[in-house]
C-alpha cells in the first residue's frame, strides 16, 4: 500500500523556520518525482516546490524562492521542505505528492496537482505572532 505521511508542521512566529518531512512507505521513492503543495482556507491548492527523482533538479514558486529548500534522501525514502523566513501568508495545509510521470522539473514541471497520483494527508503550518 503506497502511503505518504507529512510531519513537522506547527505554529511559528513570522521570521521563524520549520522543516517539513514526507515519509514514503509501500514503495521506493527513487522512481518518483515529488512535489510539495499547500492550500490555505478558501484558496486553491498551489504548487510550492518540486524535486526530480535524483534530486538534481528543483523548482520553486516565486513566492517561496530564496526562503524554502526542497531536498530528498532516497536511501531513507524521505523528502524534506526547509522553510525559513516564514510569513503569515505561508499559513496553509502542506501536502507532499508523488508521481511516476515523465515530468521535466526544470523550469516549471510538476507544479500542477493534476500531475500527481499519490498524496499525503497534509500537515498544518501556521505563521502568526
N, C-alpha and C. Protein backbone atom coordinates (compact mmCIF):
# COMPACT_ATOMS: atom_id res chain seq x y z
N UNK A 1 0.85 -1.19 0.00
CA UNK A 1 0.00 0.00 0.00
C UNK A 1 0.89 1.24 0.00
N UNK A 2 0.75 2.05 -1.07
CA UNK A 2 1.53 3.26 -1.16
C UNK A 2 0.99 4.30 -0.19
N UNK A 3 1.90 4.90 0.57
CA UNK A 3 1.48 5.89 1.54
C UNK A 3 2.53 6.98 1.69
N UNK A 4 2.05 8.22 1.79
CA UNK A 4 2.90 9.36 2.07
C UNK A 4 2.39 9.99 3.36
N UNK A 5 3.32 10.30 4.26
CA UNK A 5 2.94 10.89 5.53
C UNK A 5 3.80 12.12 5.79
N UNK A 6 3.14 13.27 5.92
CA UNK A 6 3.84 14.52 6.21
C UNK A 6 3.94 14.73 7.72
N UNK A 7 4.96 15.42 8.14
CA UNK A 7 5.12 15.79 9.53
C UNK A 7 5.96 17.05 9.61
N UNK A 8 5.99 17.66 10.79
CA UNK A 8 6.84 18.82 11.01
C UNK A 8 6.12 20.15 11.03
N UNK A 9 4.83 20.14 10.76
CA UNK A 9 4.08 21.39 10.80
C UNK A 9 3.89 21.88 12.22
N UNK A 10 3.35 23.09 12.33
CA UNK A 10 3.11 23.65 13.65
C UNK A 10 2.90 25.14 13.59
N UNK A 11 2.93 25.75 14.76
CA UNK A 11 2.76 27.20 14.90
C UNK A 11 4.14 27.83 15.05
N UNK A 12 4.41 28.85 14.25
CA UNK A 12 5.70 29.52 14.30
C UNK A 12 5.48 31.02 14.12
N UNK A 13 6.34 31.80 14.71
CA UNK A 13 6.24 33.26 14.58
C UNK A 13 6.79 33.70 13.22
N UNK A 14 6.34 34.83 12.73
CA UNK A 14 6.91 35.38 11.49
C UNK A 14 8.42 35.49 11.60
N UNK A 15 9.10 35.08 10.52
CA UNK A 15 10.56 35.08 10.52
C UNK A 15 11.17 33.78 10.99
N UNK A 16 10.34 32.90 11.52
CA UNK A 16 10.82 31.63 12.02
C UNK A 16 11.00 30.59 10.93
N UNK A 17 11.37 29.38 11.37
CA UNK A 17 11.65 28.29 10.43
C UNK A 17 10.93 27.02 10.86
N UNK A 18 10.63 26.21 9.86
CA UNK A 18 10.11 24.86 10.09
C UNK A 18 10.71 23.95 9.03
N UNK A 19 10.82 22.68 9.38
CA UNK A 19 11.26 21.69 8.40
C UNK A 19 10.19 20.62 8.29
N UNK A 20 9.58 20.54 7.13
CA UNK A 20 8.57 19.51 6.89
C UNK A 20 9.24 18.26 6.34
N UNK A 21 8.70 17.12 6.73
CA UNK A 21 9.19 15.84 6.23
C UNK A 21 8.06 15.10 5.55
N UNK A 22 8.41 14.33 4.56
CA UNK A 22 7.45 13.49 3.84
C UNK A 22 8.04 12.08 3.80
N UNK A 23 7.41 11.16 4.50
CA UNK A 23 7.89 9.79 4.57
C UNK A 23 7.06 8.91 3.65
N UNK A 24 7.74 8.12 2.84
CA UNK A 24 7.06 7.21 1.93
C UNK A 24 7.14 5.79 2.44
N UNK A 25 6.06 5.06 2.30
CA UNK A 25 6.05 3.63 2.65
C UNK A 25 5.27 2.87 1.60
N UNK A 26 5.66 1.62 1.41
CA UNK A 26 4.97 0.80 0.43
C UNK A 26 5.51 0.93 -0.98
N UNK A 27 6.46 1.83 -1.18
CA UNK A 27 7.08 1.98 -2.49
C UNK A 27 8.44 2.65 -2.33
N UNK A 28 9.25 2.56 -3.38
CA UNK A 28 10.58 3.16 -3.37
C UNK A 28 10.53 4.52 -4.02
N UNK A 29 10.93 5.53 -3.26
CA UNK A 29 10.82 6.91 -3.74
C UNK A 29 11.67 7.21 -4.96
N UNK A 30 12.72 6.43 -5.19
CA UNK A 30 13.66 6.71 -6.27
C UNK A 30 12.96 6.93 -7.62
N UNK A 31 11.83 6.24 -7.82
CA UNK A 31 11.19 6.27 -9.12
C UNK A 31 10.17 7.40 -9.27
N UNK A 32 10.07 8.25 -8.24
CA UNK A 32 9.00 9.24 -8.22
C UNK A 32 9.52 10.67 -8.14
N UNK A 33 8.91 11.52 -8.93
CA UNK A 33 9.06 12.96 -8.74
C UNK A 33 8.16 13.34 -7.57
N UNK A 34 8.68 14.22 -6.71
CA UNK A 34 7.94 14.63 -5.51
C UNK A 34 7.67 16.13 -5.56
N UNK A 35 6.45 16.47 -5.21
CA UNK A 35 6.08 17.88 -5.13
C UNK A 35 5.53 18.21 -3.75
N UNK A 36 5.76 19.44 -3.35
CA UNK A 36 5.11 19.99 -2.16
C UNK A 36 4.06 20.99 -2.62
N UNK A 37 2.89 20.91 -2.04
CA UNK A 37 1.79 21.82 -2.33
C UNK A 37 1.26 22.38 -1.03
N UNK A 38 0.50 23.46 -1.14
CA UNK A 38 -0.16 24.00 0.05
C UNK A 38 -1.53 24.52 -0.33
N UNK A 39 -2.39 24.52 0.67
CA UNK A 39 -3.75 25.02 0.45
C UNK A 39 -4.19 25.79 1.68
N UNK A 40 -4.46 27.07 1.46
CA UNK A 40 -4.98 27.92 2.52
C UNK A 40 -6.51 27.91 2.45
N UNK A 41 -7.17 28.24 3.57
CA UNK A 41 -8.64 28.24 3.58
C UNK A 41 -9.21 29.13 2.48
N UNK A 42 -10.15 28.58 1.72
CA UNK A 42 -10.80 29.35 0.67
C UNK A 42 -9.99 29.53 -0.59
N UNK A 43 -8.82 28.91 -0.65
CA UNK A 43 -7.95 29.06 -1.83
C UNK A 43 -7.70 27.71 -2.48
N UNK A 44 -7.27 27.76 -3.74
CA UNK A 44 -6.94 26.54 -4.45
C UNK A 44 -5.58 26.00 -3.97
N UNK A 45 -5.42 24.72 -4.17
CA UNK A 45 -4.13 24.11 -3.85
C UNK A 45 -3.08 24.62 -4.83
N UNK A 46 -1.93 25.05 -4.33
CA UNK A 46 -0.90 25.61 -5.19
C UNK A 46 0.42 24.88 -5.01
N UNK A 47 1.17 24.81 -6.09
CA UNK A 47 2.48 24.18 -6.04
C UNK A 47 3.48 25.06 -5.32
N UNK A 48 4.27 24.47 -4.46
CA UNK A 48 5.29 25.18 -3.71
C UNK A 48 6.68 24.85 -4.27
N UNK A 49 6.93 23.57 -4.45
CA UNK A 49 8.25 23.14 -4.90
C UNK A 49 8.17 21.73 -5.45
N UNK A 50 9.15 21.39 -6.27
CA UNK A 50 9.17 20.07 -6.91
C UNK A 50 10.62 19.62 -7.01
N UNK A 51 10.85 18.31 -6.89
CA UNK A 51 12.21 17.79 -6.97
C UNK A 51 12.22 16.54 -7.85
N UNK A 52 13.25 16.45 -8.68
CA UNK A 52 13.37 15.31 -9.59
C UNK A 52 13.74 14.04 -8.84
N UNK A 53 13.73 12.93 -9.56
CA UNK A 53 13.97 11.64 -8.94
C UNK A 53 15.34 11.55 -8.28
N UNK A 54 16.33 12.12 -8.92
CA UNK A 54 17.69 12.07 -8.37
C UNK A 54 17.95 13.17 -7.35
N UNK A 55 17.09 14.18 -7.36
CA UNK A 55 17.32 15.35 -6.51
C UNK A 55 18.16 16.41 -7.19
N UNK A 56 18.55 16.17 -8.42
CA UNK A 56 19.43 17.10 -9.10
C UNK A 56 18.74 18.32 -9.68
N UNK A 57 17.42 18.25 -9.82
CA UNK A 57 16.66 19.38 -10.35
C UNK A 57 15.53 19.73 -9.40
N UNK A 58 15.35 21.03 -9.22
CA UNK A 58 14.29 21.51 -8.34
C UNK A 58 13.65 22.75 -8.95
N UNK A 59 12.45 23.05 -8.52
CA UNK A 59 11.85 24.35 -8.84
C UNK A 59 11.03 24.83 -7.66
N UNK A 60 10.76 26.13 -7.68
CA UNK A 60 10.06 26.76 -6.57
C UNK A 60 9.07 27.78 -7.09
N UNK A 61 7.98 27.92 -6.37
CA UNK A 61 7.06 29.01 -6.66
C UNK A 61 7.77 30.33 -6.35
N UNK A 62 7.43 31.36 -7.10
CA UNK A 62 8.09 32.66 -6.90
C UNK A 62 7.92 33.15 -5.47
N UNK A 63 6.80 32.83 -4.86
CA UNK A 63 6.50 33.33 -3.52
C UNK A 63 7.41 32.73 -2.44
N UNK A 64 8.11 31.63 -2.75
CA UNK A 64 8.95 30.98 -1.73
C UNK A 64 10.42 30.93 -2.12
N UNK A 65 10.74 31.37 -3.33
CA UNK A 65 12.13 31.32 -3.78
C UNK A 65 13.03 32.07 -2.82
N UNK A 66 14.17 31.46 -2.50
CA UNK A 66 15.13 32.07 -1.60
C UNK A 66 14.83 31.84 -0.13
N UNK A 67 13.63 31.30 0.16
CA UNK A 67 13.25 31.04 1.56
C UNK A 67 13.07 29.55 1.84
N UNK A 68 12.58 28.81 0.85
CA UNK A 68 12.31 27.38 1.02
C UNK A 68 13.34 26.57 0.25
N UNK A 69 13.66 25.40 0.78
CA UNK A 69 14.57 24.47 0.10
C UNK A 69 14.02 23.07 0.17
N UNK A 70 13.88 22.45 -0.99
CA UNK A 70 13.42 21.06 -1.07
C UNK A 70 14.62 20.15 -1.21
N UNK A 71 14.55 18.99 -0.58
CA UNK A 71 15.63 18.01 -0.69
C UNK A 71 15.05 16.61 -0.50
N UNK A 72 15.82 15.62 -0.84
CA UNK A 72 15.36 14.24 -0.67
C UNK A 72 16.52 13.35 -0.28
N UNK A 73 16.18 12.28 0.43
CA UNK A 73 17.14 11.25 0.79
C UNK A 73 16.51 9.93 0.38
N UNK A 74 16.85 9.48 -0.81
CA UNK A 74 16.21 8.27 -1.34
C UNK A 74 16.55 7.03 -0.52
N UNK A 75 17.71 7.03 0.10
CA UNK A 75 18.09 5.88 0.93
C UNK A 75 17.17 5.74 2.13
N UNK A 76 16.65 6.88 2.60
CA UNK A 76 15.74 6.87 3.74
C UNK A 76 14.28 6.97 3.32
N UNK A 77 14.06 7.06 2.00
CA UNK A 77 12.68 7.20 1.49
C UNK A 77 12.00 8.45 2.05
N UNK A 78 12.74 9.55 2.08
CA UNK A 78 12.25 10.79 2.68
C UNK A 78 12.46 11.98 1.75
N UNK A 79 11.54 12.93 1.84
CA UNK A 79 11.67 14.21 1.17
C UNK A 79 11.42 15.29 2.22
N UNK A 80 12.13 16.40 2.09
CA UNK A 80 12.06 17.46 3.09
C UNK A 80 11.74 18.80 2.43
N UNK A 81 11.16 19.68 3.23
CA UNK A 81 10.98 21.07 2.80
C UNK A 81 11.41 21.95 3.96
N UNK A 82 12.57 22.57 3.81
CA UNK A 82 13.07 23.51 4.80
C UNK A 82 12.47 24.88 4.50
N UNK A 83 11.79 25.44 5.48
CA UNK A 83 11.09 26.71 5.28
C UNK A 83 11.67 27.73 6.26
N UNK A 84 12.30 28.76 5.71
CA UNK A 84 12.90 29.83 6.51
C UNK A 84 12.19 31.14 6.25
N UNK A 85 12.41 32.09 7.12
CA UNK A 85 11.83 33.43 6.97
C UNK A 85 10.33 33.36 6.69
N UNK A 86 9.67 32.58 7.48
CA UNK A 86 8.24 32.34 7.25
C UNK A 86 7.43 33.61 7.44
N UNK A 87 6.37 33.71 6.63
CA UNK A 87 5.48 34.86 6.63
C UNK A 87 4.06 34.40 6.94
N UNK A 88 3.22 35.29 7.44
CA UNK A 88 1.82 34.89 7.70
C UNK A 88 1.13 34.31 6.47
N UNK A 89 1.50 34.79 5.30
CA UNK A 89 0.87 34.29 4.08
C UNK A 89 1.32 32.88 3.71
N UNK A 90 2.28 32.33 4.43
CA UNK A 90 2.67 30.94 4.23
C UNK A 90 1.76 29.97 4.98
N UNK A 91 0.86 30.51 5.79
CA UNK A 91 -0.06 29.68 6.55
C UNK A 91 -0.94 28.86 5.61
N UNK A 92 -0.94 27.55 5.82
CA UNK A 92 -1.70 26.65 4.95
C UNK A 92 -1.52 25.22 5.43
N UNK A 93 -2.28 24.32 4.85
CA UNK A 93 -2.00 22.90 5.00
C UNK A 93 -1.04 22.52 3.88
N UNK A 94 0.05 21.88 4.24
CA UNK A 94 1.08 21.50 3.28
C UNK A 94 0.99 20.00 3.00
N UNK A 95 1.05 19.68 1.72
CA UNK A 95 0.94 18.30 1.26
C UNK A 95 2.16 17.92 0.43
N UNK A 96 2.59 16.68 0.57
CA UNK A 96 3.55 16.15 -0.40
C UNK A 96 2.81 15.19 -1.32
N UNK A 97 3.32 15.08 -2.54
CA UNK A 97 2.68 14.26 -3.56
C UNK A 97 3.74 13.59 -4.41
N UNK A 98 3.39 12.44 -4.99
CA UNK A 98 4.36 11.67 -5.77
C UNK A 98 3.76 11.26 -7.11
N UNK A 99 4.62 11.22 -8.12
CA UNK A 99 4.20 10.74 -9.42
C UNK A 99 5.34 10.02 -10.12
N UNK A 100 4.99 8.99 -10.88
CA UNK A 100 5.97 8.29 -11.73
C UNK A 100 6.00 8.91 -13.12
N UNK A 101 5.20 9.93 -13.34
CA UNK A 101 5.04 10.53 -14.66
C UNK A 101 6.31 11.13 -15.22
N UNK A 102 6.33 11.33 -16.55
CA UNK A 102 7.51 11.87 -17.23
C UNK A 102 7.61 13.39 -17.07
N UNK A 103 7.83 13.83 -15.87
CA UNK A 103 7.86 15.27 -15.59
C UNK A 103 9.28 15.80 -15.73
N UNK A 104 9.41 16.90 -16.45
CA UNK A 104 10.68 17.62 -16.54
C UNK A 104 10.60 18.77 -15.55
N UNK A 105 11.34 18.65 -14.47
CA UNK A 105 11.19 19.56 -13.34
C UNK A 105 11.59 21.00 -13.70
N UNK A 106 12.65 21.13 -14.48
CA UNK A 106 13.13 22.47 -14.85
C UNK A 106 12.60 22.82 -16.22
N UNK A 107 11.96 24.03 -16.41
CA UNK A 107 11.87 25.07 -15.40
C UNK A 107 10.66 24.98 -14.47
N UNK A 108 9.52 24.46 -14.97
CA UNK A 108 8.32 24.54 -14.13
C UNK A 108 7.48 23.27 -14.15
N UNK A 109 8.08 22.13 -14.43
CA UNK A 109 7.33 20.88 -14.41
C UNK A 109 6.95 20.48 -13.00
N UNK A 110 5.85 19.72 -12.89
CA UNK A 110 5.46 19.20 -11.60
C UNK A 110 4.82 20.20 -10.68
N UNK A 111 4.31 21.30 -11.22
CA UNK A 111 3.74 22.33 -10.37
C UNK A 111 2.22 22.28 -10.31
N UNK A 112 1.61 21.38 -11.06
CA UNK A 112 0.16 21.26 -11.05
C UNK A 112 -0.27 20.03 -10.27
N UNK A 113 -1.28 20.16 -9.40
CA UNK A 113 -1.75 18.98 -8.65
C UNK A 113 -2.20 17.85 -9.56
N UNK A 114 -2.66 18.19 -10.76
CA UNK A 114 -3.16 17.17 -11.69
C UNK A 114 -2.07 16.22 -12.16
N UNK A 115 -0.81 16.58 -11.97
CA UNK A 115 0.29 15.75 -12.43
C UNK A 115 0.63 14.62 -11.46
N UNK A 116 -0.02 14.61 -10.29
CA UNK A 116 0.38 13.69 -9.23
C UNK A 116 -0.67 12.61 -8.97
N UNK A 117 -0.17 11.45 -8.58
CA UNK A 117 -1.03 10.29 -8.37
C UNK A 117 -1.26 9.97 -6.89
N UNK A 118 -0.30 10.29 -6.06
CA UNK A 118 -0.37 9.90 -4.65
C UNK A 118 -0.16 11.12 -3.77
N UNK A 119 -0.95 11.19 -2.70
CA UNK A 119 -0.95 12.35 -1.82
C UNK A 119 -0.89 11.93 -0.36
N UNK A 120 -0.23 12.76 0.44
CA UNK A 120 -0.29 12.59 1.87
C UNK A 120 -1.53 13.26 2.43
N UNK A 121 -1.67 13.19 3.75
CA UNK A 121 -2.88 13.73 4.40
C UNK A 121 -2.72 15.21 4.76
N UNK A 122 -1.50 15.72 4.67
CA UNK A 122 -1.25 17.12 4.94
C UNK A 122 -0.82 17.40 6.37
N UNK A 123 -0.09 18.50 6.54
CA UNK A 123 0.32 18.97 7.85
C UNK A 123 0.11 20.48 7.91
N UNK A 124 -0.45 20.95 9.02
CA UNK A 124 -0.82 22.36 9.14
C UNK A 124 0.41 23.19 9.52
N UNK A 125 0.59 24.28 8.79
CA UNK A 125 1.61 25.28 9.13
C UNK A 125 0.90 26.59 9.39
N UNK A 126 1.12 27.15 10.57
CA UNK A 126 0.51 28.42 10.92
C UNK A 126 1.61 29.39 11.32
N UNK A 127 1.66 30.53 10.64
CA UNK A 127 2.65 31.56 10.92
C UNK A 127 1.91 32.75 11.50
N UNK A 128 2.15 32.98 12.77
CA UNK A 128 1.42 34.03 13.46
C UNK A 128 2.17 34.46 14.71
N UNK A 129 2.03 35.74 15.04
CA UNK A 129 2.63 36.23 16.27
C UNK A 129 1.62 36.17 17.41
